[in-house]
Amino acid sequence: MIIWEFKVRKGAAQHFRRAYGNKGDWAKFFHQGRGYLRTELFRDLNQPRRFFTLDIWASKADYIRFRRKFRAHYEAIDQRCEKLTQYEAKIGEFELV
């Protein structure tokens, strides 16, 4: 599981949810990859422009393979979505124990 934190630009929350939600642009893109399970989007109740995504993969190897295979497309979507956020940080890669 990959966890990302975002601070969304004022007025961009609706577009952000369309891009990063469980049926959004990223999730549709990730569905091309073997081992992709789902994406979950969370909004902070105390800071409404702060969001977290959980991209859940069957294994780290599946995620790495996907990133290598679709690198150019990944970077293109990432660049397009940059205008929606003020801040973006990869929190880390986690596994269920």
PDB file of N, CA and C in Angstrom:
ATOM      1  N   MET A   1       0.850  -1.160   0.000  1.00  0.00           N
ATOM      2  CA  MET A   1       0.000   0.000   0.000  1.00  0.00           C
ATOM      3  C   MET A   1       0.901   1.230   0.000  1.00  0.00           C
ATOM      4  N   ILE A   2       0.574   2.188  -0.877  1.00  0.00           N
ATOM      5  CA  ILE A   2       1.304   3.442  -0.969  1.00  0.00           C
ATOM      6  C   ILE A   2       0.384   4.524  -0.418  1.00  0.00           C
ATOM      7  N   ILE A   3       0.887   5.324   0.524  1.00  0.00           N
ATOM      8  CA  ILE A   3       0.083   6.393   1.113  1.00  0.00           C
ATOM      9  C   ILE A   3       0.674   7.737   0.709  1.00  0.00           C
ATOM     10  N   TRP A   4      -0.214   8.595   0.179  1.00  0.00           N
ATOM     11  CA  TRP A   4       0.158   9.948  -0.237  1.00  0.00           C
ATOM     12  C   TRP A   4      -0.674  10.961   0.538  1.00  0.00           C
ATOM     13  N   GLU A   5      -0.067  12.105   0.827  1.00  0.00           N
ATOM     14  CA  GLU A   5      -0.773  13.219   1.460  1.00  0.00           C
ATOM     15  C   GLU A   5      -0.796  14.394   0.485  1.00  0.00           C
ATOM     16  N   PHE A   6      -1.938  15.100   0.444  1.00  0.00           N
ATOM     17  CA  PHE A   6      -2.106  16.237  -0.455  1.00  0.00           C
ATOM     18  C   PHE A   6      -2.781  17.395   0.266  1.00  0.00           C
ATOM     19  N   LYS A   7      -2.402  18.588  -0.106  1.00  0.00           N
ATOM     20  CA  LYS A   7      -3.168  19.782   0.255  1.00  0.00           C
ATOM     21  C   LYS A   7      -3.668  20.341  -1.067  1.00  0.00           C
ATOM     22  N   VAL A   8      -4.976  20.370  -1.213  1.00  0.00           N
ATOM     23  CA  VAL A   8      -5.612  20.745  -2.468  1.00  0.00           C
ATOM     24  C   VAL A   8      -5.753  22.264  -2.562  1.00  0.00           C
ATOM     25  N   ARG A   9      -5.530  22.783  -3.748  1.00  0.00           N
ATOM     26  CA  ARG A   9      -5.685  24.229  -3.969  1.00  0.00           C
ATOM     27  C   ARG A   9      -7.136  24.637  -3.750  1.00  0.00           C
ATOM     28  N   LYS A  10      -7.309  25.846  -3.293  1.00  0.00           N
ATOM     29  CA  LYS A  10      -8.642  26.399  -3.083  1.00  0.00           C
ATOM     30  C   LYS A  10      -9.432  26.318  -4.387  1.00  0.00           C
ATOM     31  N   GLY A  11     -10.649  25.791  -4.307  1.00  0.00           N
ATOM     32  CA  GLY A  11     -11.514  25.690  -5.471  1.00  0.00           C
ATOM     33  C   GLY A  11     -11.267  24.483  -6.362  1.00  0.00           C
ATOM     34  N   ALA A  12     -10.286  23.637  -6.008  1.00  0.00           N
ATOM     35  CA  ALA A  12      -9.941  22.494  -6.867  1.00  0.00           C
ATOM     36  C   ALA A  12     -10.390  21.148  -6.295  1.00  0.00           C
ATOM     37  N   ALA A  13     -11.083  21.141  -5.173  1.00  0.00           N
ATOM     38  CA  ALA A  13     -11.425  19.881  -4.496  1.00  0.00           C
ATOM     39  C   ALA A  13     -12.259  18.945  -5.370  1.00  0.00           C
ATOM     40  N   GLN A  14     -13.219  19.486  -6.084  1.00  0.00           N
ATOM     41  CA  GLN A  14     -14.063  18.630  -6.923  1.00  0.00           C
ATOM     42  C   GLN A  14     -13.237  17.959  -8.023  1.00  0.00           C
ATOM     43  N   HIS A  15     -12.380  18.709  -8.677  1.00  0.00           N
ATOM     44  CA  HIS A  15     -11.516  18.143  -9.723  1.00  0.00           C
ATOM     45  C   HIS A  15     -10.524  17.145  -9.119  1.00  0.00           C
ATOM     46  N   PHE A  16     -10.026  17.477  -7.944  1.00  0.00           N
ATOM     47  CA  PHE A  16      -9.098  16.580  -7.255  1.00  0.00           C
ATOM     48  C   PHE A  16      -9.769  15.238  -6.969  1.00  0.00           C
ATOM     49  N   ARG A  17     -10.984  15.272  -6.443  1.00  0.00           N
ATOM     50  CA  ARG A  17     -11.701  14.017  -6.136  1.00  0.00           C
ATOM     51  C   ARG A  17     -11.937  13.191  -7.398  1.00  0.00           C
ATOM     52  N   ARG A  18     -12.207  13.870  -8.512  1.00  0.00           N
ATOM     53  CA  ARG A  18     -12.402  13.139  -9.775  1.00  0.00           C
ATOM     54  C   ARG A  18     -11.113  12.477 -10.247  1.00  0.00           C
ATOM     55  N   ALA A  19      -9.995  13.090  -9.995  1.00  0.00           N
ATOM     56  CA  ALA A  19      -8.714  12.531 -10.424  1.00  0.00           C
ATOM     57  C   ALA A  19      -8.200  11.457  -9.469  1.00  0.00           C
ATOM     58  N   TYR A  20      -8.407  11.642  -8.163  1.00  0.00           N
ATOM     59  CA  TYR A  20      -7.772  10.782  -7.166  1.00  0.00           C
ATOM     60  C   TYR A  20      -8.725   9.817  -6.460  1.00  0.00           C
ATOM     61  N   GLY A  21     -10.012   9.904  -6.709  1.00  0.00           N
ATOM     62  CA  GLY A  21     -10.978   9.020  -6.063  1.00  0.00           C
ATOM     63  C   GLY A  21     -10.886   7.587  -6.557  1.00  0.00           C
ATOM     64  N   ASN A  22     -11.677   6.714  -5.950  1.00  0.00           N
ATOM     65  CA  ASN A  22     -11.593   5.282  -6.269  1.00  0.00           C
ATOM     66  C   ASN A  22     -12.047   4.933  -7.684  1.00  0.00           C
ATOM     67  N   LYS A  23     -12.696   5.866  -8.379  1.00  0.00           N
ATOM     68  CA  LYS A  23     -13.059   5.657  -9.786  1.00  0.00           C
ATOM     69  C   LYS A  23     -12.457   6.752 -10.657  1.00  0.00           C
ATOM     70  N   GLY A  24     -11.456   7.428 -10.126  1.00  0.00           N
ATOM     71  CA  GLY A  24     -10.849   8.563 -10.808  1.00  0.00           C
ATOM     72  C   GLY A  24      -9.784   8.182 -11.822  1.00  0.00           C
ATOM     73  N   ASP A  25      -9.137   9.207 -12.331  1.00  0.00           N
ATOM     74  CA  ASP A  25      -8.122   9.029 -13.375  1.00  0.00           C
ATOM     75  C   ASP A  25      -7.005   8.081 -12.950  1.00  0.00           C
ATOM     76  N   TRP A  26      -6.508   8.276 -11.724  1.00  0.00           N
ATOM     77  CA  TRP A  26      -5.406   7.419 -11.260  1.00  0.00           C
ATOM     78  C   TRP A  26      -5.867   5.970 -11.131  1.00  0.00           C
ATOM     79  N   ALA A  27      -7.020   5.754 -10.528  1.00  0.00           N
ATOM     80  CA  ALA A  27      -7.508   4.378 -10.346  1.00  0.00           C
ATOM     81  C   ALA A  27      -7.716   3.694 -11.697  1.00  0.00           C
ATOM     82  N   LYS A  28      -8.285   4.405 -12.650  1.00  0.00           N
ATOM     83  CA  LYS A  28      -8.481   3.832 -13.990  1.00  0.00           C
ATOM     84  C   LYS A  28      -7.139   3.458 -14.610  1.00  0.00           C
ATOM     85  N   PHE A  29      -6.167   4.328 -14.442  1.00  0.00           N
ATOM     86  CA  PHE A  29      -4.829   4.069 -14.961  1.00  0.00           C
ATOM     87  C   PHE A  29      -4.204   2.856 -14.270  1.00  0.00           C
ATOM     88  N   PHE A  30      -4.278   2.809 -12.946  1.00  0.00           N
ATOM     89  CA  PHE A  30      -3.684   1.698 -12.198  1.00  0.00           C
ATOM     90  C   PHE A  30      -4.309   0.347 -12.552  1.00  0.00           C
ATOM     91  N   HIS A  31      -5.565   0.343 -12.972  1.00  0.00           N
ATOM     92  CA  HIS A  31      -6.233  -0.921 -13.319  1.00  0.00           C
ATOM     93  C   HIS A  31      -5.527  -1.657 -14.456  1.00  0.00           C
ATOM     94  N   GLN A  32      -4.662  -0.979 -15.175  1.00  0.00           N
ATOM     95  CA  GLN A  32      -3.888  -1.638 -16.234  1.00  0.00           C
ATOM     96  C   GLN A  32      -2.810  -2.553 -15.655  1.00  0.00           C
ATOM     97  N   GLY A  33      -2.499  -2.342 -14.403  1.00  0.00           N
ATOM     98  CA  GLY A  33      -1.403  -3.078 -13.785  1.00  0.00           C
ATOM     99  C   GLY A  33      -1.837  -4.350 -13.079  1.00  0.00           C
ATOM    100  N   ARG A  34      -1.062  -5.396 -13.275  1.00  0.00           N
ATOM    101  CA  ARG A  34      -1.308  -6.644 -12.568  1.00  0.00           C
ATOM    102  C   ARG A  34      -1.014  -6.405 -11.079  1.00  0.00           C
ATOM    103  N   GLY A  35      -1.920  -6.846 -10.233  1.00  0.00           N
ATOM    104  CA  GLY A  35      -1.722  -6.721  -8.803  1.00  0.00           C
ATOM    105  C   GLY A  35      -2.336  -5.483  -8.179  1.00  0.00           C
ATOM    106  N   TYR A  36      -2.874  -4.583  -8.992  1.00  0.00           N
ATOM    107  CA  TYR A  36      -3.549  -3.411  -8.433  1.00  0.00           C
ATOM    108  C   TYR A  36      -4.882  -3.858  -7.861  1.00  0.00           C
ATOM    109  N   LEU A  37      -5.168  -3.455  -6.626  1.00  0.00           N
ATOM    110  CA  LEU A  37      -6.404  -3.856  -5.971  1.00  0.00           C
ATOM    111  C   LEU A  37      -7.420  -2.726  -5.881  1.00  0.00           C
ATOM    112  N   ARG A  38      -7.001  -1.564  -5.375  1.00  0.00           N
ATOM    113  CA  ARG A  38      -7.942  -0.452  -5.269  1.00  0.00           C
ATOM    114  C   ARG A  38      -7.224   0.803  -4.769  1.00  0.00           C
ATOM    115  N   THR A  39      -7.944   1.918  -4.890  1.00  0.00           N
ATOM    116  CA  THR A  39      -7.509   3.198  -4.348  1.00  0.00           C
ATOM    117  C   THR A  39      -8.596   3.699  -3.412  1.00  0.00           C
ATOM    118  N   GLU A  40      -8.189   4.254  -2.289  1.00  0.00           N
ATOM    119  CA  GLU A  40      -9.127   4.857  -1.350  1.00  0.00           C
ATOM    120  C   GLU A  40      -8.683   6.295  -1.111  1.00  0.00           C
ATOM    121  N   LEU A  41      -9.655   7.200  -1.065  1.00  0.00           N
ATOM    122  CA  LEU A  41      -9.388   8.618  -0.871  1.00  0.00           C
ATOM    123  C   LEU A  41     -10.030   9.056   0.439  1.00  0.00           C
ATOM    124  N   PHE A  42      -9.262   9.757   1.266  1.00  0.00           N
ATOM    125  CA  PHE A  42      -9.740  10.228   2.560  1.00  0.00           C
ATOM    126  C   PHE A  42      -9.542  11.736   2.647  1.00  0.00           C
ATOM    127  N   ARG A  43     -10.539  12.421   3.237  1.00  0.00           N
ATOM    128  CA  ARG A  43     -10.449  13.863   3.472  1.00  0.00           C
ATOM    129  C   ARG A  43     -10.375  14.093   4.973  1.00  0.00           C
ATOM    130  N   ASP A  44      -9.491  14.962   5.377  1.00  0.00           N
ATOM    131  CA  ASP A  44      -9.318  15.324   6.786  1.00  0.00           C
ATOM    132  C   ASP A  44     -10.544  16.115   7.250  1.00  0.00           C
ATOM    133  N   LEU A  45     -11.171  15.685   8.341  1.00  0.00           N
ATOM    134  CA  LEU A  45     -12.371  16.346   8.832  1.00  0.00           C
ATOM    135  C   LEU A  45     -12.080  17.720   9.429  1.00  0.00           C
ATOM    136  N   ASN A  46     -10.870  17.938   9.898  1.00  0.00           N
ATOM    137  CA  ASN A  46     -10.508  19.212  10.508  1.00  0.00           C
ATOM    138  C   ASN A  46      -9.841  20.182   9.536  1.00  0.00           C
ATOM    139  N   GLN A  47      -9.303  19.646   8.448  1.00  0.00           N
ATOM    140  CA  GLN A  47      -8.668  20.468   7.416  1.00  0.00           C
ATOM    141  C   GLN A  47      -9.211  20.008   6.062  1.00  0.00           C
ATOM    142  N   PRO A  48     -10.326  20.554   5.625  1.00  0.00           N
ATOM    143  CA  PRO A  48     -11.039  20.026   4.452  1.00  0.00           C
ATOM    144  C   PRO A  48     -10.275  20.025   3.135  1.00  0.00           C
ATOM    145  N   ARG A  49      -9.158  20.732   3.052  1.00  0.00           N
ATOM    146  CA  ARG A  49      -8.370  20.697   1.811  1.00  0.00           C
ATOM    147  C   ARG A  49      -7.213  19.714   1.906  1.00  0.00           C
ATOM    148  N   ARG A  50      -7.152  18.962   2.988  1.00  0.00           N
ATOM    149  CA  ARG A  50      -6.100  17.950   3.186  1.00  0.00           C
ATOM    150  C   ARG A  50      -6.689  16.563   2.897  1.00  0.00           C
ATOM    151  N   PHE A  51      -6.015  15.822   2.033  1.00  0.00           N
ATOM    152  CA  PHE A  51      -6.475  14.491   1.616  1.00  0.00           C
ATOM    153  C   PHE A  51      -5.335  13.487   1.729  1.00  0.00           C
ATOM    154  N   PHE A  52      -5.727  12.221   1.849  1.00  0.00           N
ATOM    155  CA  PHE A  52      -4.786  11.103   1.790  1.00  0.00           C
ATOM    156  C   PHE A  52      -5.318  10.099   0.787  1.00  0.00           C
ATOM    157  N   THR A  53      -4.414   9.504   0.012  1.00  0.00           N
ATOM    158  CA  THR A  53      -4.810   8.386  -0.845  1.00  0.00           C
ATOM    159  C   THR A  53      -4.067   7.141  -0.382  1.00  0.00           C
ATOM    160  N   LEU A  54      -4.738   6.016  -0.490  1.00  0.00           N
ATOM    161  CA  LEU A  54      -4.140   4.711  -0.262  1.00  0.00           C
ATOM    162  C   LEU A  54      -4.277   3.951  -1.571  1.00  0.00           C
ATOM    163  N   ASP A  55      -3.162   3.677  -2.213  1.00  0.00           N
ATOM    164  CA  ASP A  55      -3.143   2.866  -3.432  1.00  0.00           C
ATOM    165  C   ASP A  55      -2.717   1.473  -3.007  1.00  0.00           C
ATOM    166  N   ILE A  56      -3.615   0.531  -3.149  1.00  0.00           N
ATOM    167  CA  ILE A  56      -3.391  -0.802  -2.600  1.00  0.00           C
ATOM    168  C   ILE A  56      -3.066  -1.785  -3.726  1.00  0.00           C
ATOM    169  N   TRP A  57      -1.907  -2.412  -3.576  1.00  0.00           N
ATOM    170  CA  TRP A  57      -1.384  -3.378  -4.540  1.00  0.00           C
ATOM    171  C   TRP A  57      -1.195  -4.711  -3.837  1.00  0.00           C
ATOM    172  N   ALA A  58      -1.268  -5.778  -4.589  1.00  0.00           N
ATOM    173  CA  ALA A  58      -1.073  -7.111  -4.021  1.00  0.00           C
ATOM    174  C   ALA A  58       0.337  -7.272  -3.463  1.00  0.00           C
ATOM    175  N   SER A  59       1.309  -6.612  -4.103  1.00  0.00           N
ATOM    176  CA  SER A  59       2.685  -6.702  -3.621  1.00  0.00           C
ATOM    177  C   SER A  59       3.477  -5.480  -4.072  1.00  0.00           C
ATOM    178  N   LYS A  60       4.566  -5.228  -3.404  1.00  0.00           N
ATOM    179  CA  LYS A  60       5.447  -4.129  -3.791  1.00  0.00           C
ATOM    180  C   LYS A  60       6.018  -4.389  -5.184  1.00  0.00           C
ATOM    181  N   ALA A  61       6.303  -5.645  -5.474  1.00  0.00           N
ATOM    182  CA  ALA A  61       6.841  -6.000  -6.794  1.00  0.00           C
ATOM    183  C   ALA A  61       5.861  -5.625  -7.910  1.00  0.00           C
ATOM    184  N   ASP A  62       4.561  -5.820  -7.692  1.00  0.00           N
ATOM    185  CA  ASP A  62       3.561  -5.440  -8.691  1.00  0.00           C
ATOM    186  C   ASP A  62       3.583  -3.936  -8.928  1.00  0.00           C
ATOM    187  N   TYR A  63       3.683  -3.177  -7.857  1.00  0.00           N
ATOM    188  CA  TYR A  63       3.729  -1.721  -7.959  1.00  0.00           C
ATOM    189  C   TYR A  63       4.982  -1.268  -8.708  1.00  0.00           C
ATOM    190  N   ILE A  64       6.116  -1.818  -8.370  1.00  0.00           N
ATOM    191  CA  ILE A  64       7.374  -1.457  -9.029  1.00  0.00           C
ATOM    192  C   ILE A  64       7.320  -1.804 -10.513  1.00  0.00           C
ATOM    193  N   ARG A  65       6.809  -2.980 -10.825  1.00  0.00           N
ATOM    194  CA  ARG A  65       6.687  -3.417 -12.223  1.00  0.00           C
ATOM    195  C   ARG A  65       5.796  -2.447 -13.004  1.00  0.00           C
ATOM    196  N   PHE A  66       4.690  -2.067 -12.398  1.00  0.00           N
ATOM    197  CA  PHE A  66       3.769  -1.135 -13.039  1.00  0.00           C
ATOM    198  C   PHE A  66       4.459   0.205 -13.301  1.00  0.00           C
ATOM    199  N   ARG A  67       5.141   0.736 -12.300  1.00  0.00           N
ATOM    200  CA  ARG A  67       5.818   2.029 -12.441  1.00  0.00           C
ATOM    201  C   ARG A  67       6.856   1.997 -13.553  1.00  0.00           C
ATOM    202  N   ARG A  68       7.565   0.893 -13.676  1.00  0.00           N
ATOM    203  CA  ARG A  68       8.569   0.779 -14.751  1.00  0.00           C
ATOM    204  C   ARG A  68       7.915   0.713 -16.121  1.00  0.00           C
ATOM    205  N   LYS A  69       6.891  -0.110 -16.217  1.00  0.00           N
ATOM    206  CA  LYS A  69       6.240  -0.340 -17.508  1.00  0.00           C
ATOM    207  C   LYS A  69       5.512   0.905 -18.023  1.00  0.00           C
ATOM    208  N   PHE A  70       4.881   1.645 -17.131  1.00  0.00           N
ATOM    209  CA  PHE A  70       4.046   2.781 -17.528  1.00  0.00           C
ATOM    210  C   PHE A  70       4.628   4.125 -17.067  1.00  0.00           C
ATOM    211  N   ARG A  71       5.937   4.194 -16.979  1.00  0.00           N
ATOM    212  CA  ARG A  71       6.614   5.381 -16.437  1.00  0.00           C
ATOM    213  C   ARG A  71       6.190   6.685 -17.119  1.00  0.00           C
ATOM    214  N   ALA A  72       6.228   6.713 -18.428  1.00  0.00           N
ATOM    215  CA  ALA A  72       5.915   7.946 -19.160  1.00  0.00           C
ATOM    216  C   ALA A  72       4.467   8.380 -18.921  1.00  0.00           C
ATOM    217  N   HIS A  73       3.543   7.431 -18.966  1.00  0.00           N
ATOM    218  CA  HIS A  73       2.128   7.750 -18.744  1.00  0.00           C
ATOM    219  C   HIS A  73       1.911   8.220 -17.305  1.00  0.00           C
ATOM    220  N   TYR A  74       2.572   7.586 -16.347  1.00  0.00           N
ATOM    221  CA  TYR A  74       2.484   7.967 -14.934  1.00  0.00           C
ATOM    222  C   TYR A  74       2.927   9.428 -14.769  1.00  0.00           C
ATOM    223  N   GLU A  75       4.054   9.765 -15.352  1.00  0.00           N
ATOM    224  CA  GLU A  75       4.584  11.124 -15.230  1.00  0.00           C
ATOM    225  C   GLU A  75       3.671  12.143 -15.904  1.00  0.00           C
ATOM    226  N   ALA A  76       3.036  11.770 -17.003  1.00  0.00           N
ATOM    227  CA  ALA A  76       2.124  12.682 -17.701  1.00  0.00           C
ATOM    228  C   ALA A  76       0.891  12.983 -16.848  1.00  0.00           C
ATOM    229  N   ILE A  77       0.313  11.959 -16.239  1.00  0.00           N
ATOM    230  CA  ILE A  77      -0.851  12.175 -15.367  1.00  0.00           C
ATOM    231  C   ILE A  77      -0.435  12.997 -14.150  1.00  0.00           C
ATOM    232  N   ASP A  78       0.700  12.662 -13.582  1.00  0.00           N
ATOM    233  CA  ASP A  78       1.192  13.382 -12.404  1.00  0.00           C
ATOM    234  C   ASP A  78       1.374  14.866 -12.722  1.00  0.00           C
ATOM    235  N   GLN A  79       1.951  15.156 -13.853  1.00  0.00           N
ATOM    236  CA  GLN A  79       2.169  16.551 -14.253  1.00  0.00           C
ATOM    237  C   GLN A  79       0.834  17.268 -14.452  1.00  0.00           C
ATOM    238  N   ARG A  80      -0.121  16.602 -15.075  1.00  0.00           N
ATOM    239  CA  ARG A  80      -1.438  17.198 -15.308  1.00  0.00           C
ATOM    240  C   ARG A  80      -2.157  17.506 -13.992  1.00  0.00           C
ATOM    241  N   CYS A  81      -1.962  16.649 -12.985  1.00  0.00           N
ATOM    242  CA  CYS A  81      -2.656  16.804 -11.707  1.00  0.00           C
ATOM    243  C   CYS A  81      -1.960  17.764 -10.745  1.00  0.00           C
ATOM    244  N   GLU A  82      -0.735  18.143 -11.052  1.00  0.00           N
ATOM    245  CA  GLU A  82       0.011  19.053 -10.177  1.00  0.00           C
ATOM    246  C   GLU A  82      -0.718  20.359  -9.922  1.00  0.00           C
ATOM    247  N   LYS A  83      -1.455  20.847 -10.900  1.00  0.00           N
ATOM    248  CA  LYS A  83      -2.142  22.129 -10.758  1.00  0.00           C
ATOM    249  C   LYS A  83      -3.277  22.072  -9.730  1.00  0.00           C
ATOM    250  N   LEU A  84      -3.660  20.876  -9.305  1.00  0.00           N
ATOM    251  CA  LEU A  84      -4.749  20.729  -8.342  1.00  0.00           C
ATOM    252  C   LEU A  84      -4.289  20.856  -6.895  1.00  0.00           C
ATOM    253  N   THR A  85      -2.987  20.750  -6.677  1.00  0.00           N
ATOM    254  CA  THR A  85      -2.491  20.698  -5.304  1.00  0.00           C
ATOM    255  C   THR A  85      -1.448  21.768  -5.003  1.00  0.00           C
ATOM    256  N   GLN A  86      -1.403  22.150  -3.734  1.00  0.00           N
ATOM    257  CA  GLN A  86      -0.360  23.039  -3.232  1.00  0.00           C
ATOM    258  C   GLN A  86       0.801  22.226  -2.688  1.00  0.00           C
ATOM    259  N   TYR A  87       0.487  21.027  -2.243  1.00  0.00           N
ATOM    260  CA  TYR A  87       1.470  20.199  -1.539  1.00  0.00           C
ATOM    261  C   TYR A  87       1.150  18.741  -1.818  1.00  0.00           C
ATOM    262  N   GLU A  88       2.199  17.952  -2.001  1.00  0.00           N
ATOM    263  CA  GLU A  88       2.047  16.508  -2.208  1.00  0.00           C
ATOM    264  C   GLU A  88       3.262  15.829  -1.597  1.00  0.00           C
ATOM    265  N   ALA A  89       3.017  14.775  -0.834  1.00  0.00           N
ATOM    266  CA  ALA A  89       4.140  14.042  -0.231  1.00  0.00           C
ATOM    267  C   ALA A  89       3.794  12.565  -0.141  1.00  0.00           C
ATOM    268  N   LYS A  90       4.750  11.758  -0.509  1.00  0.00           N
ATOM    269  CA  LYS A  90       4.602  10.314  -0.333  1.00  0.00           C
ATOM    270  C   LYS A  90       4.914  10.025   1.133  1.00  0.00           C
ATOM    271  N   ILE A  91       3.924   9.521   1.850  1.00  0.00           N
ATOM    272  CA  ILE A  91       4.100   9.197   3.268  1.00  0.00           C
ATOM    273  C   ILE A  91       4.956   7.934   3.399  1.00  0.00           C
ATOM    274  N   GLY A  92       4.673   6.959   2.536  1.00  0.00           N
ATOM    275  CA  GLY A  92       5.477   5.750   2.560  1.00  0.00           C
ATOM    276  C   GLY A  92       4.776   4.571   1.929  1.00  0.00           C
ATOM    277  N   GLU A  93       5.458   3.446   1.978  1.00  0.00           N
ATOM    278  CA  GLU A  93       4.950   2.170   1.469  1.00  0.00           C
ATOM    279  C   GLU A  93       4.758   1.249   2.669  1.00  0.00           C
ATOM    280  N   PHE A  94       3.578   0.674   2.769  1.00  0.00           N
ATOM    281  CA  PHE A  94       3.216  -0.126   3.933  1.00  0.00           C
ATOM    282  C   PHE A  94       2.659  -1.468   3.502  1.00  0.00           C
ATOM    283  N   GLU A  95       2.702  -2.421   4.434  1.00  0.00           N
ATOM    284  CA  GLU A  95       2.087  -3.727   4.196  1.00  0.00           C
ATOM    285  C   GLU A  95       1.230  -4.087   5.397  1.00  0.00           C
ATOM    286  N   LEU A  96       0.208  -4.873   5.145  1.00  0.00           N
ATOM    287  CA  LEU A  96      -0.678  -5.349   6.198  1.00  0.00           C
ATOM    288  C   LEU A  96       0.046  -6.447   6.968  1.00  0.00           C
ATOM    289  N   VAL A  97       0.038  -6.343   8.290  1.00  0.00           N
ATOM    290  CA  VAL A  97       0.714  -7.368   9.113  1.00  0.00           C
ATOM    291  C   VAL A  97      -0.276  -8.012  10.070  1.00  0.00           C
TER     292      VAL A  97
END
